[in-house]
Amino acid sequence: MPINCTIVSVDEVQDFFANAIDGMGKQDGYPRNEGVPGSIARWKTAKLCELTENEFQHLIVPQEPKILLKDKPLQEVEGEDSIGTMNRYYQMLVEGEKLPAIIVRLPLHGDLEQGSYYIEDGAHKALGCKKYFEVNPYIPVLAYIGELG
């Protein structure tokens, strides 16, 4: 079970995604993640929590085939943008910065059974954290957790 949870509104998560982290790229001019607002809109409940190390390691990475974060080799991250984004989050942690929350939901039928949560947004952030935790002690990762209605 996640720790230090606070119940939040689904609208708050939508606002965080669209505005606070520019999840769709409207502010930076790089369109992305167009389906995420629709996925979040289907949530019936949301909370902001800190993930335990076990929950973090068992996040389901949004790729095909599906894979748990703990099983995703960092050397398999492809593409200059993806590698750069992962390394930017890693560097933020090295410099002692606190990362914005990732956005996850409870697993659905068809997701990996051993998965804790499915990453809706923040896979590169999670990979940057994984890289950091390979050489540093785990610190709880902040996550918005949604449950579909």
N, C-alpha and C. Protein backbone atom coordinates (compact mmCIF):
# COMPACT_ATOMS: atom_id res chain seq x y z
N MET A 1 0.84 -1.19 0.00
CA MET A 1 0.00 0.00 0.00
C MET A 1 0.88 1.25 0.00
N PRO A 2 0.50 2.22 -0.82
CA PRO A 2 1.26 3.47 -0.83
C PRO A 2 1.16 4.17 0.53
N ILE A 3 2.05 5.12 0.76
CA ILE A 3 2.09 5.81 2.04
C ILE A 3 1.82 7.30 1.86
N ASN A 4 1.46 7.94 2.98
CA ASN A 4 1.23 9.39 3.01
C ASN A 4 0.29 9.86 1.90
N CYS A 5 -0.87 9.21 1.81
CA CYS A 5 -1.82 9.53 0.74
C CYS A 5 -2.76 10.66 1.13
N THR A 6 -3.11 11.44 0.14
CA THR A 6 -4.10 12.50 0.26
C THR A 6 -5.09 12.34 -0.88
N ILE A 7 -6.36 12.35 -0.57
CA ILE A 7 -7.37 12.27 -1.62
C ILE A 7 -7.40 13.59 -2.37
N VAL A 8 -7.42 13.49 -3.69
CA VAL A 8 -7.48 14.66 -4.56
C VAL A 8 -8.60 14.45 -5.57
N SER A 9 -8.97 15.52 -6.25
CA SER A 9 -10.00 15.39 -7.28
C SER A 9 -9.35 14.97 -8.60
N VAL A 10 -10.14 14.34 -9.44
CA VAL A 10 -9.67 13.98 -10.77
C VAL A 10 -9.34 15.25 -11.55
N ASP A 11 -10.11 16.31 -11.32
CA ASP A 11 -9.82 17.59 -11.97
C ASP A 11 -8.43 18.11 -11.60
N GLU A 12 -8.03 17.91 -10.34
CA GLU A 12 -6.70 18.35 -9.91
C GLU A 12 -5.61 17.60 -10.68
N VAL A 13 -5.82 16.31 -10.90
CA VAL A 13 -4.84 15.51 -11.67
C VAL A 13 -4.81 16.00 -13.11
N GLN A 14 -5.99 16.28 -13.68
CA GLN A 14 -6.05 16.79 -15.05
C GLN A 14 -5.28 18.12 -15.16
N ASP A 15 -5.49 19.00 -14.19
CA ASP A 15 -4.81 20.29 -14.20
C ASP A 15 -3.30 20.12 -14.05
N PHE A 16 -2.89 19.24 -13.16
CA PHE A 16 -1.46 18.94 -12.98
C PHE A 16 -0.86 18.48 -14.31
N PHE A 17 -1.54 17.55 -14.97
CA PHE A 17 -1.02 17.00 -16.22
C PHE A 17 -0.97 18.07 -17.32
N ALA A 18 -2.07 18.79 -17.49
CA ALA A 18 -2.16 19.74 -18.60
C ALA A 18 -1.33 20.99 -18.38
N ASN A 19 -1.29 21.49 -17.15
CA ASN A 19 -0.68 22.79 -16.89
C ASN A 19 0.63 22.73 -16.11
N ALA A 20 0.62 22.05 -14.98
CA ALA A 20 1.82 22.06 -14.13
C ALA A 20 3.01 21.39 -14.80
N ILE A 21 2.78 20.28 -15.51
CA ILE A 21 3.90 19.59 -16.15
C ILE A 21 3.82 19.65 -17.68
N ASP A 22 2.83 20.37 -18.21
CA ASP A 22 2.68 20.50 -19.67
C ASP A 22 2.74 19.13 -20.35
N GLY A 23 1.95 18.21 -19.82
CA GLY A 23 1.98 16.83 -20.29
C GLY A 23 1.63 16.61 -21.74
N MET A 24 0.92 17.56 -22.35
CA MET A 24 0.56 17.41 -23.75
C MET A 24 1.42 18.27 -24.67
N GLY A 25 2.35 19.03 -24.11
CA GLY A 25 3.27 19.81 -24.92
C GLY A 25 2.69 21.08 -25.51
N LYS A 26 1.61 21.58 -24.95
CA LYS A 26 1.01 22.80 -25.48
C LYS A 26 1.87 24.03 -25.20
N GLN A 27 2.61 23.99 -24.09
CA GLN A 27 3.46 25.13 -23.73
C GLN A 27 4.83 25.06 -24.41
N ASP A 28 5.37 23.85 -24.56
CA ASP A 28 6.72 23.75 -25.13
C ASP A 28 6.73 23.48 -26.63
N GLY A 29 5.54 23.27 -27.23
CA GLY A 29 5.46 23.11 -28.68
C GLY A 29 5.80 21.73 -29.19
N TYR A 30 5.88 20.74 -28.30
CA TYR A 30 6.14 19.36 -28.71
C TYR A 30 4.94 18.48 -28.33
N PRO A 31 3.93 18.42 -29.21
CA PRO A 31 2.71 17.66 -28.89
C PRO A 31 3.00 16.21 -28.53
N ARG A 32 2.31 15.74 -27.47
CA ARG A 32 2.52 14.37 -26.99
C ARG A 32 1.38 13.98 -26.06
N ASN A 33 1.27 12.71 -25.77
CA ASN A 33 0.36 12.18 -24.75
C ASN A 33 -1.08 12.63 -24.91
N GLU A 34 -1.57 12.69 -26.14
CA GLU A 34 -2.91 13.20 -26.38
C GLU A 34 -4.02 12.35 -25.75
N GLY A 35 -3.76 11.07 -25.52
CA GLY A 35 -4.78 10.20 -24.95
C GLY A 35 -4.86 10.21 -23.44
N VAL A 36 -3.86 10.79 -22.78
CA VAL A 36 -3.82 10.73 -21.31
C VAL A 36 -4.99 11.47 -20.65
N PRO A 37 -5.37 12.67 -21.10
CA PRO A 37 -6.51 13.33 -20.45
C PRO A 37 -7.79 12.48 -20.49
N GLY A 38 -8.01 11.79 -21.59
CA GLY A 38 -9.19 10.92 -21.67
C GLY A 38 -9.10 9.75 -20.70
N SER A 39 -7.91 9.21 -20.53
CA SER A 39 -7.72 8.12 -19.56
C SER A 39 -7.98 8.61 -18.14
N ILE A 40 -7.43 9.77 -17.81
CA ILE A 40 -7.62 10.31 -16.46
C ILE A 40 -9.09 10.64 -16.23
N ALA A 41 -9.78 11.14 -17.25
CA ALA A 41 -11.20 11.50 -17.12
C ALA A 41 -12.07 10.30 -16.75
N ARG A 42 -11.61 9.10 -17.02
CA ARG A 42 -12.38 7.89 -16.69
C ARG A 42 -12.19 7.46 -15.24
N TRP A 43 -11.27 8.10 -14.52
CA TRP A 43 -11.05 7.74 -13.12
C TRP A 43 -12.26 8.14 -12.29
N LYS A 44 -12.57 7.29 -11.30
CA LYS A 44 -13.64 7.67 -10.36
C LYS A 44 -13.06 8.24 -9.08
N THR A 45 -11.83 7.86 -8.74
CA THR A 45 -11.16 8.40 -7.56
C THR A 45 -9.70 8.65 -7.88
N ALA A 46 -9.10 9.55 -7.10
CA ALA A 46 -7.67 9.84 -7.26
C ALA A 46 -7.09 10.19 -5.91
N LYS A 47 -5.81 9.89 -5.75
CA LYS A 47 -5.10 10.26 -4.55
C LYS A 47 -3.65 10.53 -4.91
N LEU A 48 -3.01 11.34 -4.09
CA LEU A 48 -1.59 11.65 -4.25
C LEU A 48 -0.86 10.94 -3.12
N CYS A 49 0.08 10.06 -3.48
CA CYS A 49 0.74 9.22 -2.49
C CYS A 49 2.23 9.12 -2.78
N GLU A 50 2.95 8.57 -1.82
CA GLU A 50 4.33 8.18 -2.01
C GLU A 50 4.34 6.67 -2.22
N LEU A 51 5.02 6.22 -3.27
CA LEU A 51 5.10 4.79 -3.56
C LEU A 51 6.20 4.15 -2.71
N THR A 52 5.91 2.95 -2.23
CA THR A 52 6.96 2.18 -1.56
C THR A 52 7.95 1.71 -2.62
N GLU A 53 9.10 1.25 -2.20
CA GLU A 53 10.09 0.77 -3.16
C GLU A 53 9.54 -0.41 -3.96
N ASN A 54 8.83 -1.31 -3.32
CA ASN A 54 8.26 -2.46 -4.01
C ASN A 54 7.23 -2.01 -5.07
N GLU A 55 6.38 -1.07 -4.70
CA GLU A 55 5.40 -0.57 -5.67
C GLU A 55 6.11 0.10 -6.85
N PHE A 56 7.14 0.87 -6.56
CA PHE A 56 7.89 1.53 -7.61
C PHE A 56 8.51 0.51 -8.57
N GLN A 57 9.16 -0.48 -8.03
CA GLN A 57 9.82 -1.49 -8.86
C GLN A 57 8.83 -2.30 -9.71
N HIS A 58 7.58 -2.37 -9.24
CA HIS A 58 6.55 -3.16 -9.94
C HIS A 58 5.60 -2.30 -10.78
N LEU A 59 6.01 -1.06 -11.08
CA LEU A 59 5.22 -0.25 -12.01
C LEU A 59 5.24 -0.91 -13.38
N ILE A 60 4.12 -0.82 -14.08
CA ILE A 60 4.02 -1.36 -15.43
C ILE A 60 4.38 -0.26 -16.41
N VAL A 61 5.43 -0.48 -17.18
CA VAL A 61 5.90 0.48 -18.17
C VAL A 61 4.98 0.41 -19.39
N PRO A 62 4.51 1.55 -19.89
CA PRO A 62 3.59 1.55 -21.03
C PRO A 62 4.30 1.28 -22.36
N GLN A 63 4.52 0.03 -22.63
CA GLN A 63 5.13 -0.40 -23.88
C GLN A 63 4.56 -1.76 -24.24
N GLU A 64 4.80 -2.21 -25.42
CA GLU A 64 4.43 -3.57 -25.82
C GLU A 64 5.70 -4.31 -26.19
N PRO A 65 5.93 -5.51 -25.69
CA PRO A 65 5.09 -6.13 -24.66
C PRO A 65 5.26 -5.41 -23.32
N LYS A 66 4.23 -5.54 -22.49
CA LYS A 66 4.27 -4.90 -21.18
C LYS A 66 5.40 -5.49 -20.34
N ILE A 67 5.99 -4.62 -19.53
CA ILE A 67 7.13 -5.04 -18.71
C ILE A 67 7.09 -4.24 -17.40
N LEU A 68 7.58 -4.86 -16.35
CA LEU A 68 7.69 -4.15 -15.07
C LEU A 68 8.94 -3.28 -15.10
N LEU A 69 8.88 -2.17 -14.39
CA LEU A 69 10.01 -1.25 -14.34
C LEU A 69 11.28 -1.96 -13.90
N LYS A 70 11.18 -2.83 -12.90
CA LYS A 70 12.36 -3.53 -12.39
C LYS A 70 13.02 -4.40 -13.46
N ASP A 71 12.25 -4.82 -14.46
CA ASP A 71 12.76 -5.70 -15.51
C ASP A 71 13.17 -4.95 -16.77
N LYS A 72 12.99 -3.64 -16.80
CA LYS A 72 13.31 -2.84 -17.99
C LYS A 72 14.79 -2.44 -17.94
N PRO A 73 15.60 -2.99 -18.84
CA PRO A 73 17.02 -2.60 -18.88
C PRO A 73 17.16 -1.15 -19.37
N LEU A 74 17.90 -0.34 -18.64
CA LEU A 74 18.07 1.05 -19.02
C LEU A 74 18.77 1.20 -20.37
N GLN A 75 19.63 0.25 -20.71
CA GLN A 75 20.32 0.33 -21.99
C GLN A 75 19.38 0.07 -23.17
N GLU A 76 18.14 -0.38 -22.89
CA GLU A 76 17.16 -0.59 -23.96
C GLU A 76 16.30 0.65 -24.22
N VAL A 77 16.49 1.70 -23.45
CA VAL A 77 15.79 2.95 -23.72
C VAL A 77 16.35 3.49 -25.02
N GLU A 78 15.45 3.74 -25.98
CA GLU A 78 15.89 4.13 -27.32
C GLU A 78 15.43 5.54 -27.66
N GLY A 79 16.17 6.15 -28.55
CA GLY A 79 15.80 7.47 -29.04
C GLY A 79 16.46 8.57 -28.24
N GLU A 80 17.01 9.53 -28.96
CA GLU A 80 17.72 10.62 -28.32
C GLU A 80 16.85 11.38 -27.32
N ASP A 81 15.58 11.64 -27.70
CA ASP A 81 14.67 12.35 -26.79
C ASP A 81 14.39 11.56 -25.53
N SER A 82 14.13 10.26 -25.69
CA SER A 82 13.82 9.42 -24.53
C SER A 82 15.01 9.32 -23.58
N ILE A 83 16.17 9.09 -24.14
CA ILE A 83 17.37 8.98 -23.31
C ILE A 83 17.66 10.31 -22.63
N GLY A 84 17.53 11.40 -23.38
CA GLY A 84 17.76 12.73 -22.81
C GLY A 84 16.80 13.06 -21.68
N THR A 85 15.52 12.72 -21.87
CA THR A 85 14.52 12.99 -20.83
C THR A 85 14.80 12.17 -19.59
N MET A 86 15.10 10.88 -19.77
CA MET A 86 15.43 10.02 -18.63
C MET A 86 16.64 10.59 -17.88
N ASN A 87 17.66 10.98 -18.61
CA ASN A 87 18.87 11.50 -17.97
C ASN A 87 18.65 12.86 -17.32
N ARG A 88 17.73 13.65 -17.85
CA ARG A 88 17.42 14.94 -17.23
C ARG A 88 16.80 14.72 -15.84
N TYR A 89 15.88 13.76 -15.74
CA TYR A 89 15.28 13.46 -14.44
C TYR A 89 16.31 12.86 -13.48
N TYR A 90 17.16 12.01 -14.00
CA TYR A 90 18.24 11.45 -13.19
C TYR A 90 19.11 12.57 -12.62
N GLN A 91 19.49 13.52 -13.48
CA GLN A 91 20.35 14.62 -13.06
C GLN A 91 19.65 15.51 -12.02
N MET A 92 18.36 15.69 -12.17
CA MET A 92 17.61 16.47 -11.17
C MET A 92 17.73 15.81 -9.80
N LEU A 93 17.61 14.49 -9.76
CA LEU A 93 17.74 13.78 -8.48
C LEU A 93 19.16 13.90 -7.94
N VAL A 94 20.16 13.78 -8.81
CA VAL A 94 21.56 13.92 -8.39
C VAL A 94 21.76 15.28 -7.74
N GLU A 95 21.11 16.31 -8.28
CA GLU A 95 21.26 17.67 -7.77
C GLU A 95 20.34 17.95 -6.58
N GLY A 96 19.62 16.93 -6.11
CA GLY A 96 18.80 17.07 -4.92
C GLY A 96 17.43 17.67 -5.16
N GLU A 97 17.02 17.79 -6.41
CA GLU A 97 15.71 18.35 -6.71
C GLU A 97 14.62 17.30 -6.49
N LYS A 98 13.46 17.78 -6.13
CA LYS A 98 12.29 16.91 -5.97
C LYS A 98 11.56 16.86 -7.30
N LEU A 99 11.25 15.66 -7.76
CA LEU A 99 10.58 15.50 -9.05
C LEU A 99 9.07 15.64 -8.90
N PRO A 100 8.40 16.15 -9.94
CA PRO A 100 6.95 16.16 -9.92
C PRO A 100 6.42 14.72 -9.92
N ALA A 101 5.20 14.56 -9.52
CA ALA A 101 4.58 13.23 -9.42
C ALA A 101 4.47 12.57 -10.79
N ILE A 102 4.49 11.25 -10.78
CA ILE A 102 4.10 10.49 -11.96
C ILE A 102 2.60 10.23 -11.85
N ILE A 103 1.99 9.82 -12.92
CA ILE A 103 0.55 9.56 -12.94
C ILE A 103 0.36 8.09 -13.28
N VAL A 104 -0.29 7.37 -12.37
CA VAL A 104 -0.49 5.93 -12.53
C VAL A 104 -1.95 5.57 -12.24
N ARG A 105 -2.33 4.38 -12.64
CA ARG A 105 -3.67 3.86 -12.32
C ARG A 105 -3.54 2.42 -11.87
N LEU A 106 -4.59 1.95 -11.22
CA LEU A 106 -4.62 0.55 -10.83
C LEU A 106 -4.60 -0.32 -12.08
N PRO A 107 -3.95 -1.49 -12.03
CA PRO A 107 -3.91 -2.36 -13.20
C PRO A 107 -5.31 -2.83 -13.60
N LEU A 108 -5.46 -3.07 -14.89
CA LEU A 108 -6.70 -3.58 -15.45
C LEU A 108 -6.49 -5.03 -15.89
N HIS A 109 -7.59 -5.69 -16.22
CA HIS A 109 -7.50 -7.04 -16.79
C HIS A 109 -6.66 -6.94 -18.06
N GLY A 110 -5.65 -7.77 -18.16
CA GLY A 110 -4.76 -7.72 -19.31
C GLY A 110 -3.43 -7.06 -18.99
N ASP A 111 -3.38 -6.28 -17.91
CA ASP A 111 -2.11 -5.74 -17.45
C ASP A 111 -1.35 -6.87 -16.73
N LEU A 112 -0.09 -6.67 -16.48
CA LEU A 112 0.68 -7.69 -15.77
C LEU A 112 0.14 -7.89 -14.37
N GLU A 113 -0.12 -9.15 -14.02
CA GLU A 113 -0.73 -9.45 -12.71
C GLU A 113 0.15 -9.02 -11.54
N GLN A 114 1.46 -9.11 -11.70
CA GLN A 114 2.35 -8.75 -10.60
C GLN A 114 2.63 -7.25 -10.54
N GLY A 115 2.05 -6.49 -11.44
CA GLY A 115 2.25 -5.05 -11.46
C GLY A 115 1.51 -4.35 -10.34
N SER A 116 2.12 -3.29 -9.82
CA SER A 116 1.48 -2.50 -8.77
C SER A 116 0.53 -1.48 -9.39
N TYR A 117 1.03 -0.71 -10.36
CA TYR A 117 0.26 0.33 -11.05
C TYR A 117 0.76 0.43 -12.48
N TYR A 118 -0.12 0.90 -13.35
CA TYR A 118 0.23 1.13 -14.75
C TYR A 118 0.57 2.60 -14.91
N ILE A 119 1.70 2.91 -15.52
CA ILE A 119 2.12 4.29 -15.72
C ILE A 119 1.32 4.92 -16.85
N GLU A 120 0.51 5.93 -16.52
CA GLU A 120 -0.22 6.70 -17.53
C GLU A 120 0.68 7.80 -18.09
N ASP A 121 1.44 8.46 -17.20
CA ASP A 121 2.38 9.49 -17.61
C ASP A 121 3.53 9.51 -16.62
N GLY A 122 4.74 9.58 -17.15
CA GLY A 122 5.91 9.67 -16.29
C GLY A 122 6.86 8.49 -16.43
N ALA A 123 6.78 7.75 -17.53
CA ALA A 123 7.67 6.59 -17.70
C ALA A 123 9.14 7.03 -17.73
N HIS A 124 9.45 8.13 -18.42
CA HIS A 124 10.83 8.60 -18.46
C HIS A 124 11.29 9.07 -17.08
N LYS A 125 10.37 9.67 -16.34
CA LYS A 125 10.67 10.09 -14.97
C LYS A 125 10.98 8.86 -14.12
N ALA A 126 10.16 7.82 -14.27
CA ALA A 126 10.38 6.58 -13.52
C ALA A 126 11.71 5.94 -13.91
N LEU A 127 12.05 5.97 -15.18
CA LEU A 127 13.32 5.41 -15.62
C LEU A 127 14.50 6.21 -15.07
N GLY A 128 14.36 7.54 -15.02
CA GLY A 128 15.40 8.37 -14.42
C GLY A 128 15.57 8.05 -12.94
N CYS A 129 14.45 7.82 -12.27
CA CYS A 129 14.51 7.42 -10.85
C CYS A 129 15.18 6.06 -10.71
N LYS A 130 14.81 5.12 -11.57
CA LYS A 130 15.41 3.79 -11.51
C LYS A 130 16.93 3.89 -11.64
N LYS A 131 17.38 4.69 -12.59
CA LYS A 131 18.82 4.88 -12.79
C LYS A 131 19.46 5.44 -11.51
N TYR A 132 18.81 6.42 -10.90
CA TYR A 132 19.32 7.03 -9.68
C TYR A 132 19.37 6.01 -8.54
N PHE A 133 18.33 5.20 -8.41
CA PHE A 133 18.24 4.24 -7.31
C PHE A 133 19.19 3.06 -7.48
N GLU A 134 19.77 2.90 -8.67
CA GLU A 134 20.75 1.84 -8.84
C GLU A 134 22.02 2.11 -8.04
N VAL A 135 22.28 3.38 -7.72
CA VAL A 135 23.49 3.74 -6.98
C VAL A 135 23.21 4.56 -5.72
N ASN A 136 21.94 4.82 -5.45
CA ASN A 136 21.55 5.61 -4.28
C ASN A 136 20.39 4.92 -3.58
N PRO A 137 20.21 5.17 -2.28
CA PRO A 137 19.09 4.59 -1.56
C PRO A 137 17.75 5.09 -2.12
N TYR A 138 16.75 4.25 -2.00
CA TYR A 138 15.41 4.60 -2.48
C TYR A 138 14.84 5.73 -1.63
N ILE A 139 14.24 6.68 -2.31
CA ILE A 139 13.43 7.71 -1.65
C ILE A 139 12.04 7.62 -2.26
N PRO A 140 10.98 7.73 -1.47
CA PRO A 140 9.64 7.54 -2.01
C PRO A 140 9.36 8.44 -3.22
N VAL A 141 8.78 7.83 -4.24
CA VAL A 141 8.41 8.52 -5.47
C VAL A 141 6.95 8.95 -5.34
N LEU A 142 6.69 10.21 -5.64
CA LEU A 142 5.35 10.78 -5.55
C LEU A 142 4.54 10.37 -6.78
N ALA A 143 3.28 9.97 -6.55
CA ALA A 143 2.44 9.51 -7.67
C ALA A 143 0.98 9.88 -7.42
N TYR A 144 0.34 10.36 -8.49
CA TYR A 144 -1.12 10.43 -8.50
C TYR A 144 -1.60 9.05 -8.89
N ILE A 145 -2.48 8.48 -8.08
CA ILE A 145 -2.98 7.13 -8.33
C ILE A 145 -4.47 7.20 -8.61
N GLY A 146 -4.86 6.68 -9.76
CA GLY A 146 -6.26 6.70 -10.13
C GLY A 146 -6.87 5.32 -10.14
N GLU A 147 -8.18 5.31 -9.87
CA GLU A 147 -8.97 4.09 -9.97
C GLU A 147 -10.09 4.37 -10.95
N LEU A 148 -10.18 3.52 -11.96
CA LEU A 148 -11.19 3.71 -12.99
C LEU A 148 -12.59 3.42 -12.46
N GLY A 149 -13.54 4.13 -13.01
CA GLY A 149 -14.94 3.94 -12.62
C GLY A 149 -15.64 2.96 -13.51
